[in-house]
């Protein structure tokens, strides 16, 4: 059944996205309801070449009576091995400094989500995720958003509100320019 979801494989070539591999596997395993039960075993089945050898070495070094790693433990080990710390540090710093600038809200939301997945410590709960997203938005949009947001507004709804305000502000700016001529 796992294979029927077009489950990804990972061999640790330089062009492969290790975090993307884990996220895709987790999504499939979650859909199947087996993340914690046998998720690690299914994911290991998708490893090949040097990546599988890495797992074999790990297994050989564990005590025979040791409990299998949880999904969280496996994920942490996997990312430490296949995503260089220097790259994770760059993404983390880029996420901390991310601001909308000249990007549209849609572009900013996409970039924010891409970088946030590499900095889970900075946004461990949804509320912090939303607050950090708003923090980086253009000042005019942020001010208008303050009127429409509740303390528990979901992230996707925050993005939609920001897009709507961006559109209204853009129309107002165009109208002012047209009146000048």
N, C-alpha and C. Protein backbone atom coordinates (compact mmCIF):
# COMPACT_ATOMS: atom_id res chain seq x y z
N UNK A 1 0.82 -1.19 0.00
CA UNK A 1 0.00 0.00 0.00
C UNK A 1 0.88 1.26 0.00
N UNK A 2 1.96 1.24 0.78
CA UNK A 2 2.88 2.37 0.84
C UNK A 2 3.42 2.70 -0.54
N UNK A 3 3.80 1.69 -1.28
CA UNK A 3 4.34 1.88 -2.64
C UNK A 3 3.28 2.45 -3.58
N UNK A 4 2.02 2.17 -3.36
CA UNK A 4 0.97 2.65 -4.25
C UNK A 4 0.81 4.17 -4.18
N UNK A 5 1.38 4.82 -3.15
CA UNK A 5 1.33 6.28 -3.03
C UNK A 5 2.50 6.94 -3.76
N UNK A 6 3.20 6.21 -4.60
CA UNK A 6 4.38 6.73 -5.30
C UNK A 6 5.39 7.27 -4.30
N UNK A 7 5.69 6.46 -3.32
CA UNK A 7 6.61 6.88 -2.27
C UNK A 7 7.99 7.16 -2.85
N UNK A 8 8.63 8.22 -2.34
CA UNK A 8 9.93 8.62 -2.86
C UNK A 8 11.05 7.69 -2.39
N UNK A 9 12.15 7.76 -3.07
CA UNK A 9 13.35 7.04 -2.64
C UNK A 9 14.43 8.09 -2.39
N UNK A 10 15.48 7.69 -1.68
CA UNK A 10 16.56 8.62 -1.38
C UNK A 10 17.87 7.88 -1.40
N UNK A 11 18.83 8.40 -2.18
CA UNK A 11 20.15 7.78 -2.26
C UNK A 11 21.27 8.74 -1.87
N UNK A 12 20.93 9.93 -1.47
CA UNK A 12 21.85 10.97 -1.00
C UNK A 12 22.72 11.60 -2.08
N UNK A 13 22.25 11.60 -3.32
CA UNK A 13 22.99 12.34 -4.33
C UNK A 13 22.84 13.83 -4.03
N UNK A 14 23.73 14.63 -4.55
CA UNK A 14 23.74 16.06 -4.22
C UNK A 14 22.50 16.79 -4.73
N UNK A 15 21.79 16.24 -5.69
CA UNK A 15 20.61 16.93 -6.22
C UNK A 15 19.34 16.59 -5.47
N UNK A 16 19.40 15.63 -4.56
CA UNK A 16 18.20 15.22 -3.83
C UNK A 16 17.96 16.11 -2.61
N UNK A 17 16.70 16.33 -2.32
CA UNK A 17 16.27 17.14 -1.19
C UNK A 17 15.94 16.21 -0.02
N UNK A 18 16.86 16.11 0.93
CA UNK A 18 16.69 15.20 2.06
C UNK A 18 15.45 15.56 2.88
N UNK A 19 15.27 16.84 3.14
CA UNK A 19 14.11 17.24 3.95
C UNK A 19 12.82 16.99 3.18
N UNK A 20 12.83 17.25 1.88
CA UNK A 20 11.66 16.97 1.05
C UNK A 20 11.32 15.49 1.05
N UNK A 21 12.34 14.64 1.00
CA UNK A 21 12.13 13.20 1.07
C UNK A 21 11.42 12.82 2.36
N UNK A 22 11.93 13.32 3.48
CA UNK A 22 11.31 13.01 4.78
C UNK A 22 9.88 13.51 4.85
N UNK A 23 9.66 14.73 4.37
CA UNK A 23 8.30 15.30 4.41
C UNK A 23 7.34 14.49 3.55
N UNK A 24 7.78 14.06 2.37
CA UNK A 24 6.92 13.25 1.51
C UNK A 24 6.60 11.91 2.16
N UNK A 25 7.61 11.27 2.74
CA UNK A 25 7.37 10.00 3.43
C UNK A 25 6.41 10.21 4.59
N UNK A 26 6.64 11.25 5.37
CA UNK A 26 5.77 11.52 6.53
C UNK A 26 4.33 11.73 6.09
N UNK A 27 4.14 12.45 5.01
CA UNK A 27 2.79 12.71 4.50
C UNK A 27 2.08 11.39 4.15
N UNK A 28 2.78 10.52 3.45
CA UNK A 28 2.20 9.22 3.07
C UNK A 28 1.91 8.38 4.32
N UNK A 29 2.89 8.33 5.21
CA UNK A 29 2.74 7.53 6.43
C UNK A 29 1.61 8.07 7.30
N UNK A 30 1.49 9.38 7.36
CA UNK A 30 0.40 10.00 8.13
C UNK A 30 -0.95 9.64 7.51
N UNK A 31 -1.03 9.71 6.19
CA UNK A 31 -2.26 9.34 5.49
C UNK A 31 -2.64 7.90 5.80
N UNK A 32 -1.65 7.06 5.87
CA UNK A 32 -1.89 5.65 6.16
C UNK A 32 -2.11 5.39 7.66
N UNK A 33 -1.79 6.38 8.50
CA UNK A 33 -1.96 6.23 9.94
C UNK A 33 -0.91 5.36 10.60
N UNK A 34 0.31 5.35 10.03
CA UNK A 34 1.34 4.46 10.56
C UNK A 34 2.67 5.16 10.87
N UNK A 35 2.65 6.47 11.02
CA UNK A 35 3.91 7.20 11.24
C UNK A 35 4.68 6.60 12.41
N UNK A 36 4.09 6.56 13.57
CA UNK A 36 4.82 6.09 14.76
C UNK A 36 4.87 4.57 14.88
N UNK A 37 3.94 3.89 14.27
CA UNK A 37 3.90 2.44 14.41
C UNK A 37 5.04 1.77 13.64
N UNK A 38 5.09 1.98 12.34
CA UNK A 38 6.14 1.37 11.51
C UNK A 38 6.67 2.34 10.46
N UNK A 39 6.47 3.64 10.67
CA UNK A 39 6.89 4.64 9.70
C UNK A 39 8.37 4.63 9.40
N UNK A 40 9.19 4.46 10.43
CA UNK A 40 10.64 4.44 10.23
C UNK A 40 11.02 3.24 9.36
N UNK A 41 10.44 2.09 9.63
CA UNK A 41 10.74 0.88 8.84
C UNK A 41 10.39 1.07 7.37
N UNK A 42 9.24 1.65 7.09
CA UNK A 42 8.84 1.89 5.71
C UNK A 42 9.77 2.89 5.03
N UNK A 43 10.18 3.91 5.77
CA UNK A 43 11.07 4.92 5.20
C UNK A 43 12.44 4.33 4.91
N UNK A 44 12.94 3.50 5.79
CA UNK A 44 14.23 2.84 5.57
C UNK A 44 14.19 2.00 4.31
N UNK A 45 13.06 1.40 4.05
CA UNK A 45 12.89 0.60 2.83
C UNK A 45 13.09 1.45 1.57
N UNK A 46 12.92 2.76 1.68
CA UNK A 46 13.06 3.66 0.54
C UNK A 46 14.47 4.21 0.39
N UNK A 47 15.37 3.86 1.30
CA UNK A 47 16.76 4.31 1.21
C UNK A 47 17.54 3.41 0.28
N UNK A 48 18.50 4.00 -0.43
CA UNK A 48 19.34 3.19 -1.31
C UNK A 48 20.77 3.71 -1.28
N UNK A 49 21.65 2.92 -1.82
CA UNK A 49 23.08 3.25 -1.96
C UNK A 49 23.68 3.65 -0.61
N UNK A 50 24.41 4.78 -0.59
CA UNK A 50 25.12 5.22 0.61
C UNK A 50 24.17 5.51 1.76
N UNK A 51 22.97 5.93 1.42
CA UNK A 51 22.01 6.24 2.46
C UNK A 51 21.61 4.97 3.21
N UNK A 52 21.39 3.91 2.50
CA UNK A 52 21.03 2.66 3.15
C UNK A 52 22.22 2.14 3.97
N UNK A 53 23.40 2.32 3.44
CA UNK A 53 24.61 1.89 4.18
C UNK A 53 24.72 2.66 5.49
N UNK A 54 24.40 3.97 5.46
CA UNK A 54 24.40 4.78 6.67
C UNK A 54 23.48 4.14 7.71
N UNK A 55 22.30 3.72 7.29
CA UNK A 55 21.35 3.11 8.22
C UNK A 55 21.87 1.77 8.75
N UNK A 56 22.48 0.99 7.88
CA UNK A 56 23.02 -0.30 8.31
C UNK A 56 24.08 -0.11 9.41
N UNK A 57 24.94 0.88 9.23
CA UNK A 57 25.99 1.17 10.22
C UNK A 57 25.35 1.58 11.54
N UNK A 58 24.31 2.39 11.46
CA UNK A 58 23.59 2.80 12.67
C UNK A 58 23.01 1.57 13.37
N UNK A 59 22.36 0.72 12.62
CA UNK A 59 21.74 -0.48 13.18
C UNK A 59 22.78 -1.41 13.82
N UNK A 60 23.92 -1.56 13.16
CA UNK A 60 24.97 -2.44 13.69
C UNK A 60 25.54 -1.91 15.00
N UNK A 61 25.51 -0.60 15.19
CA UNK A 61 26.07 0.01 16.40
C UNK A 61 25.10 0.07 17.57
N UNK A 62 23.85 -0.24 17.34
CA UNK A 62 22.85 -0.19 18.41
C UNK A 62 22.86 -1.48 19.22
N UNK A 63 22.59 -1.37 20.51
CA UNK A 63 22.47 -2.60 21.31
C UNK A 63 21.31 -3.46 20.80
N UNK A 64 21.44 -4.74 20.90
CA UNK A 64 20.43 -5.67 20.38
C UNK A 64 19.06 -5.47 21.02
N UNK A 65 19.04 -5.06 22.27
CA UNK A 65 17.76 -4.89 22.96
C UNK A 65 17.22 -3.46 22.92
N UNK A 66 17.86 -2.59 22.15
CA UNK A 66 17.42 -1.18 22.06
C UNK A 66 16.09 -1.07 21.32
N UNK A 67 15.26 -0.15 21.78
CA UNK A 67 13.98 0.06 21.10
C UNK A 67 14.23 0.80 19.80
N UNK A 68 13.43 0.55 18.78
CA UNK A 68 13.61 1.25 17.51
C UNK A 68 13.40 2.75 17.69
N UNK A 69 14.05 3.56 16.88
CA UNK A 69 13.88 5.01 17.01
C UNK A 69 12.46 5.44 16.62
N UNK A 70 11.99 6.49 17.25
CA UNK A 70 10.70 7.07 16.89
C UNK A 70 10.88 7.83 15.60
N UNK A 71 9.77 8.27 15.03
CA UNK A 71 9.85 9.07 13.81
C UNK A 71 10.67 10.34 14.06
N UNK A 72 10.44 11.01 15.18
CA UNK A 72 11.15 12.25 15.50
C UNK A 72 12.65 11.99 15.64
N UNK A 73 13.03 10.91 16.30
CA UNK A 73 14.44 10.58 16.45
C UNK A 73 15.08 10.26 15.10
N UNK A 74 14.40 9.45 14.32
CA UNK A 74 14.91 9.10 12.99
C UNK A 74 15.07 10.36 12.13
N UNK A 75 14.06 11.22 12.13
CA UNK A 75 14.11 12.44 11.32
C UNK A 75 15.29 13.31 11.71
N UNK A 76 15.49 13.46 13.00
CA UNK A 76 16.61 14.29 13.48
C UNK A 76 17.95 13.70 13.04
N UNK A 77 18.13 12.39 13.20
CA UNK A 77 19.37 11.73 12.78
C UNK A 77 19.57 11.88 11.27
N UNK A 78 18.51 11.65 10.52
CA UNK A 78 18.57 11.69 9.07
C UNK A 78 18.98 13.08 8.58
N UNK A 79 18.33 14.11 9.12
CA UNK A 79 18.63 15.47 8.68
C UNK A 79 20.05 15.89 9.08
N UNK A 80 20.48 15.47 10.26
CA UNK A 80 21.86 15.79 10.67
C UNK A 80 22.87 15.16 9.72
N UNK A 81 22.54 14.00 9.23
CA UNK A 81 23.46 13.28 8.34
C UNK A 81 23.44 13.81 6.91
N UNK A 82 22.26 14.17 6.40
CA UNK A 82 22.14 14.45 4.98
C UNK A 82 21.83 15.91 4.61
N UNK A 83 21.68 16.77 5.60
CA UNK A 83 21.55 18.20 5.34
C UNK A 83 22.65 18.88 6.14
N UNK A 84 23.68 19.39 5.48
CA UNK A 84 24.81 19.99 6.20
C UNK A 84 24.37 21.10 7.15
N UNK A 85 25.00 21.14 8.32
CA UNK A 85 24.67 22.15 9.32
C UNK A 85 24.86 23.56 8.76
N UNK A 86 25.87 23.75 7.93
CA UNK A 86 26.10 25.08 7.37
C UNK A 86 24.91 25.52 6.52
N UNK A 87 24.33 24.61 5.77
CA UNK A 87 23.16 24.93 4.95
C UNK A 87 21.95 25.22 5.84
N UNK A 88 21.77 24.41 6.89
CA UNK A 88 20.67 24.66 7.81
C UNK A 88 20.82 26.02 8.49
N UNK A 89 22.06 26.40 8.81
CA UNK A 89 22.32 27.71 9.42
C UNK A 89 21.98 28.85 8.47
N UNK A 90 22.32 28.68 7.19
CA UNK A 90 22.01 29.71 6.19
C UNK A 90 20.50 29.89 6.08
N UNK A 91 19.75 28.78 5.99
CA UNK A 91 18.29 28.85 5.89
C UNK A 91 17.69 29.50 7.14
N UNK A 92 18.24 29.14 8.28
CA UNK A 92 17.75 29.68 9.55
C UNK A 92 17.93 31.20 9.59
N UNK A 93 19.11 31.66 9.21
CA UNK A 93 19.41 33.10 9.18
C UNK A 93 18.53 33.80 8.16
N UNK A 94 18.39 33.21 6.98
CA UNK A 94 17.56 33.81 5.94
C UNK A 94 16.10 33.92 6.42
N UNK A 95 15.64 32.92 7.13
CA UNK A 95 14.28 32.96 7.66
C UNK A 95 14.12 34.08 8.69
N UNK A 96 15.11 34.20 9.57
CA UNK A 96 15.05 35.25 10.59
C UNK A 96 15.00 36.65 9.97
N UNK A 97 15.68 36.83 8.85
CA UNK A 97 15.76 38.15 8.20
C UNK A 97 14.72 38.38 7.12
N UNK A 98 13.91 37.39 6.84
CA UNK A 98 12.95 37.48 5.73
C UNK A 98 11.93 38.59 5.94
N UNK A 99 11.81 39.43 4.93
CA UNK A 99 10.81 40.50 4.90
C UNK A 99 10.19 40.49 3.51
N UNK A 100 8.98 41.01 3.41
CA UNK A 100 8.27 41.00 2.14
C UNK A 100 9.02 41.81 1.08
N UNK A 101 9.45 43.00 1.43
CA UNK A 101 10.17 43.84 0.47
C UNK A 101 9.39 44.03 -0.81
N UNK A 102 10.00 43.69 -1.95
CA UNK A 102 9.34 43.88 -3.25
C UNK A 102 8.52 42.68 -3.69
N UNK A 103 8.48 41.63 -2.87
CA UNK A 103 7.70 40.45 -3.22
C UNK A 103 6.21 40.73 -3.03
N UNK A 104 5.39 40.03 -3.79
CA UNK A 104 3.94 40.07 -3.54
C UNK A 104 3.69 39.23 -2.29
N UNK A 105 2.50 39.35 -1.74
CA UNK A 105 2.15 38.53 -0.58
C UNK A 105 2.26 37.05 -0.93
N UNK A 106 1.81 36.67 -2.12
CA UNK A 106 1.89 35.25 -2.53
C UNK A 106 3.34 34.78 -2.58
N UNK A 107 4.21 35.57 -3.17
CA UNK A 107 5.63 35.21 -3.25
C UNK A 107 6.24 35.12 -1.85
N UNK A 108 5.90 36.11 -1.02
CA UNK A 108 6.41 36.13 0.35
C UNK A 108 5.92 34.91 1.14
N UNK A 109 4.65 34.55 1.01
CA UNK A 109 4.09 33.40 1.72
C UNK A 109 4.79 32.11 1.31
N UNK A 110 5.07 31.97 0.02
CA UNK A 110 5.76 30.77 -0.46
C UNK A 110 7.17 30.71 0.10
N UNK A 111 7.90 31.81 0.02
CA UNK A 111 9.28 31.85 0.53
C UNK A 111 9.30 31.62 2.04
N UNK A 112 8.34 32.25 2.73
CA UNK A 112 8.23 32.09 4.17
C UNK A 112 8.04 30.61 4.53
N UNK A 113 7.13 29.94 3.85
CA UNK A 113 6.85 28.53 4.13
C UNK A 113 8.05 27.65 3.81
N UNK A 114 8.73 27.95 2.71
CA UNK A 114 9.92 27.17 2.34
C UNK A 114 10.99 27.27 3.42
N UNK A 115 11.24 28.48 3.90
CA UNK A 115 12.28 28.67 4.89
C UNK A 115 11.85 28.22 6.28
N UNK A 116 10.58 28.37 6.61
CA UNK A 116 10.08 27.98 7.93
C UNK A 116 10.27 26.49 8.19
N UNK A 117 10.20 25.69 7.15
CA UNK A 117 10.37 24.25 7.35
C UNK A 117 11.78 23.91 7.81
N UNK A 118 12.73 24.84 7.56
CA UNK A 118 14.11 24.62 7.99
C UNK A 118 14.41 25.28 9.34
N UNK A 119 13.44 25.96 9.90
CA UNK A 119 13.65 26.65 11.18
C UNK A 119 12.51 26.36 12.15
N UNK A 120 12.22 25.09 12.39
CA UNK A 120 11.07 24.77 13.25
C UNK A 120 11.21 25.29 14.68
N UNK A 121 12.42 25.53 15.13
CA UNK A 121 12.61 26.05 16.49
C UNK A 121 12.08 27.47 16.60
N UNK A 122 12.15 28.23 15.49
CA UNK A 122 11.68 29.61 15.52
C UNK A 122 10.16 29.71 15.46
N UNK A 123 9.51 28.72 14.90
CA UNK A 123 8.05 28.75 14.78
C UNK A 123 7.45 27.40 15.19
N UNK A 124 7.61 27.03 16.46
CA UNK A 124 7.16 25.70 16.88
C UNK A 124 5.64 25.55 16.98
N UNK A 125 4.94 26.66 17.13
CA UNK A 125 3.49 26.58 17.20
C UNK A 125 2.87 27.53 16.17
N UNK A 126 1.65 27.24 15.78
CA UNK A 126 0.98 27.99 14.71
C UNK A 126 0.93 29.48 15.02
N UNK A 127 0.64 29.83 16.25
CA UNK A 127 0.54 31.25 16.61
C UNK A 127 1.84 31.99 16.33
N UNK A 128 2.97 31.38 16.66
CA UNK A 128 4.28 32.00 16.39
C UNK A 128 4.55 32.08 14.89
N UNK A 129 4.11 31.06 14.16
CA UNK A 129 4.24 31.03 12.70
C UNK A 129 3.53 32.24 12.11
N UNK A 130 2.29 32.47 12.54
CA UNK A 130 1.47 33.58 12.04
C UNK A 130 2.10 34.92 12.43
N UNK A 131 2.53 35.03 13.68
CA UNK A 131 3.13 36.30 14.15
C UNK A 131 4.39 36.64 13.36
N UNK A 132 5.23 35.65 13.12
CA UNK A 132 6.47 35.90 12.37
C UNK A 132 6.16 36.27 10.92
N UNK A 133 5.15 35.63 10.33
CA UNK A 133 4.75 35.96 8.96
C UNK A 133 4.31 37.43 8.90
N UNK A 134 3.45 37.83 9.81
CA UNK A 134 2.93 39.20 9.83
C UNK A 134 4.07 40.20 10.07
N UNK A 135 4.99 39.83 10.92
CA UNK A 135 6.13 40.69 11.24
C UNK A 135 6.89 41.12 9.98
N UNK A 136 6.97 40.25 8.98
CA UNK A 136 7.74 40.54 7.78
C UNK A 136 6.97 41.21 6.66
N UNK A 137 5.67 41.43 6.86
CA UNK A 137 4.84 42.03 5.81
C UNK A 137 5.05 43.53 5.72
N UNK A 138 4.82 44.09 4.54
CA UNK A 138 4.87 45.51 4.29
C UNK A 138 4.06 46.25 5.35
N UNK A 139 4.57 47.38 5.83
CA UNK A 139 3.95 48.12 6.93
C UNK A 139 2.49 48.50 6.65
N UNK A 140 2.21 49.02 5.46
CA UNK A 140 0.83 49.44 5.13
C UNK A 140 -0.14 48.26 5.19
N UNK A 141 0.28 47.13 4.68
CA UNK A 141 -0.57 45.94 4.70
C UNK A 141 -0.75 45.47 6.14
N UNK A 142 0.33 45.48 6.91
CA UNK A 142 0.27 45.03 8.30
C UNK A 142 -0.70 45.89 9.12
N UNK A 143 -0.67 47.19 8.91
CA UNK A 143 -1.57 48.09 9.64
C UNK A 143 -3.02 47.77 9.30
N UNK A 144 -3.32 47.60 8.03
CA UNK A 144 -4.69 47.26 7.62
C UNK A 144 -5.11 45.90 8.15
N UNK A 145 -4.19 44.96 8.20
CA UNK A 145 -4.50 43.61 8.68
C UNK A 145 -4.87 43.60 10.15
N UNK A 146 -4.29 44.48 10.92
CA UNK A 146 -4.52 44.50 12.37
C UNK A 146 -6.00 44.64 12.68
N UNK A 147 -6.73 45.30 11.81
CA UNK A 147 -8.16 45.50 12.03
C UNK A 147 -8.96 44.21 11.80
N UNK A 148 -8.45 43.32 10.97
CA UNK A 148 -9.21 42.13 10.57
C UNK A 148 -8.82 40.84 11.27
N UNK A 149 -7.69 40.84 11.96
CA UNK A 149 -7.19 39.59 12.54
C UNK A 149 -7.69 39.35 13.95
N UNK A 150 -7.90 38.08 14.24
CA UNK A 150 -8.20 37.62 15.59
C UNK A 150 -6.93 36.95 16.12
N UNK A 151 -6.87 36.69 17.40
CA UNK A 151 -5.66 36.08 17.97
C UNK A 151 -5.42 34.66 17.48
N UNK A 152 -6.46 34.00 17.00
CA UNK A 152 -6.30 32.60 16.58
C UNK A 152 -6.55 32.39 15.08
N UNK A 153 -6.35 33.44 14.28
CA UNK A 153 -6.56 33.33 12.84
C UNK A 153 -5.56 32.34 12.25
N UNK A 154 -6.03 31.33 11.51
CA UNK A 154 -5.12 30.35 10.89
C UNK A 154 -4.22 30.99 9.84
N UNK A 155 -3.06 30.40 9.64
CA UNK A 155 -2.05 30.94 8.72
C UNK A 155 -2.62 31.20 7.33
N UNK A 156 -3.28 30.22 6.74
CA UNK A 156 -3.79 30.39 5.38
C UNK A 156 -4.78 31.53 5.28
N UNK A 157 -5.58 31.72 6.31
CA UNK A 157 -6.53 32.83 6.33
C UNK A 157 -5.79 34.17 6.45
N UNK A 158 -4.71 34.20 7.20
CA UNK A 158 -3.90 35.41 7.32
C UNK A 158 -3.33 35.78 5.95
N UNK A 159 -2.85 34.77 5.22
CA UNK A 159 -2.32 35.02 3.88
C UNK A 159 -3.42 35.57 2.97
N UNK A 160 -4.60 35.00 3.03
CA UNK A 160 -5.72 35.47 2.19
C UNK A 160 -6.10 36.92 2.54
N UNK A 161 -6.14 37.25 3.81
CA UNK A 161 -6.44 38.63 4.22
C UNK A 161 -5.37 39.58 3.69
N UNK A 162 -4.13 39.18 3.81
CA UNK A 162 -3.02 40.02 3.32
C UNK A 162 -3.11 40.21 1.80
N UNK A 163 -3.44 39.14 1.06
CA UNK A 163 -3.60 39.26 -0.40
C UNK A 163 -4.71 40.24 -0.75
N UNK A 164 -5.82 40.13 -0.04
CA UNK A 164 -6.97 41.01 -0.29
C UNK A 164 -6.57 42.47 -0.05
N UNK A 165 -5.91 42.74 1.06
CA UNK A 165 -5.48 44.10 1.39
C UNK A 165 -4.46 44.60 0.38
N UNK A 166 -3.55 43.73 -0.02
CA UNK A 166 -2.55 44.10 -1.03
C UNK A 166 -3.25 44.53 -2.31
N UNK A 167 -4.28 43.80 -2.70
CA UNK A 167 -5.04 44.14 -3.91
C UNK A 167 -5.73 45.48 -3.78
N UNK A 168 -6.35 45.73 -2.64
CA UNK A 168 -7.05 47.00 -2.41
C UNK A 168 -6.06 48.16 -2.41
N UNK A 169 -4.95 47.99 -1.71
CA UNK A 169 -3.94 49.05 -1.66
C UNK A 169 -3.35 49.30 -3.04
N UNK A 170 -3.16 48.24 -3.80
CA UNK A 170 -2.64 48.40 -5.17
C UNK A 170 -3.60 49.18 -6.04
N UNK A 171 -4.89 48.89 -5.92
CA UNK A 171 -5.91 49.63 -6.69
C UNK A 171 -5.94 51.09 -6.27
N UNK A 172 -5.81 51.36 -4.96
CA UNK A 172 -5.80 52.74 -4.48
C UNK A 172 -4.61 53.50 -5.02
N UNK A 173 -3.44 52.87 -5.05
CA UNK A 173 -2.24 53.51 -5.56
C UNK A 173 -2.39 53.82 -7.05
N UNK A 174 -2.94 52.86 -7.80
CA UNK A 174 -3.16 53.06 -9.23
C UNK A 174 -4.14 54.19 -9.47
N UNK A 175 -5.17 54.27 -8.65
CA UNK A 175 -6.17 55.33 -8.76
C UNK A 175 -5.56 56.69 -8.52
N UNK A 176 -4.69 56.80 -7.52
CA UNK A 176 -4.03 58.07 -7.22
C UNK A 176 -3.11 58.50 -8.36
N UNK A 177 -2.40 57.55 -8.95
CA UNK A 177 -1.52 57.85 -10.07
C UNK A 177 -2.34 58.30 -11.26
N UNK A 178 -3.45 57.65 -11.54
CA UNK A 178 -4.31 58.01 -12.67
C UNK A 178 -4.88 59.42 -12.50
N UNK A 179 -5.21 59.81 -11.29
CA UNK A 179 -5.77 61.14 -11.03
C UNK A 179 -4.75 62.25 -11.28
N UNK A 180 -3.48 61.92 -11.12
CA UNK A 180 -2.43 62.92 -11.35
C UNK A 180 -2.32 63.30 -12.82
N UNK A 181 -2.69 62.38 -13.68
CA UNK A 181 -2.57 62.63 -15.13
C UNK A 181 -3.89 63.06 -15.62
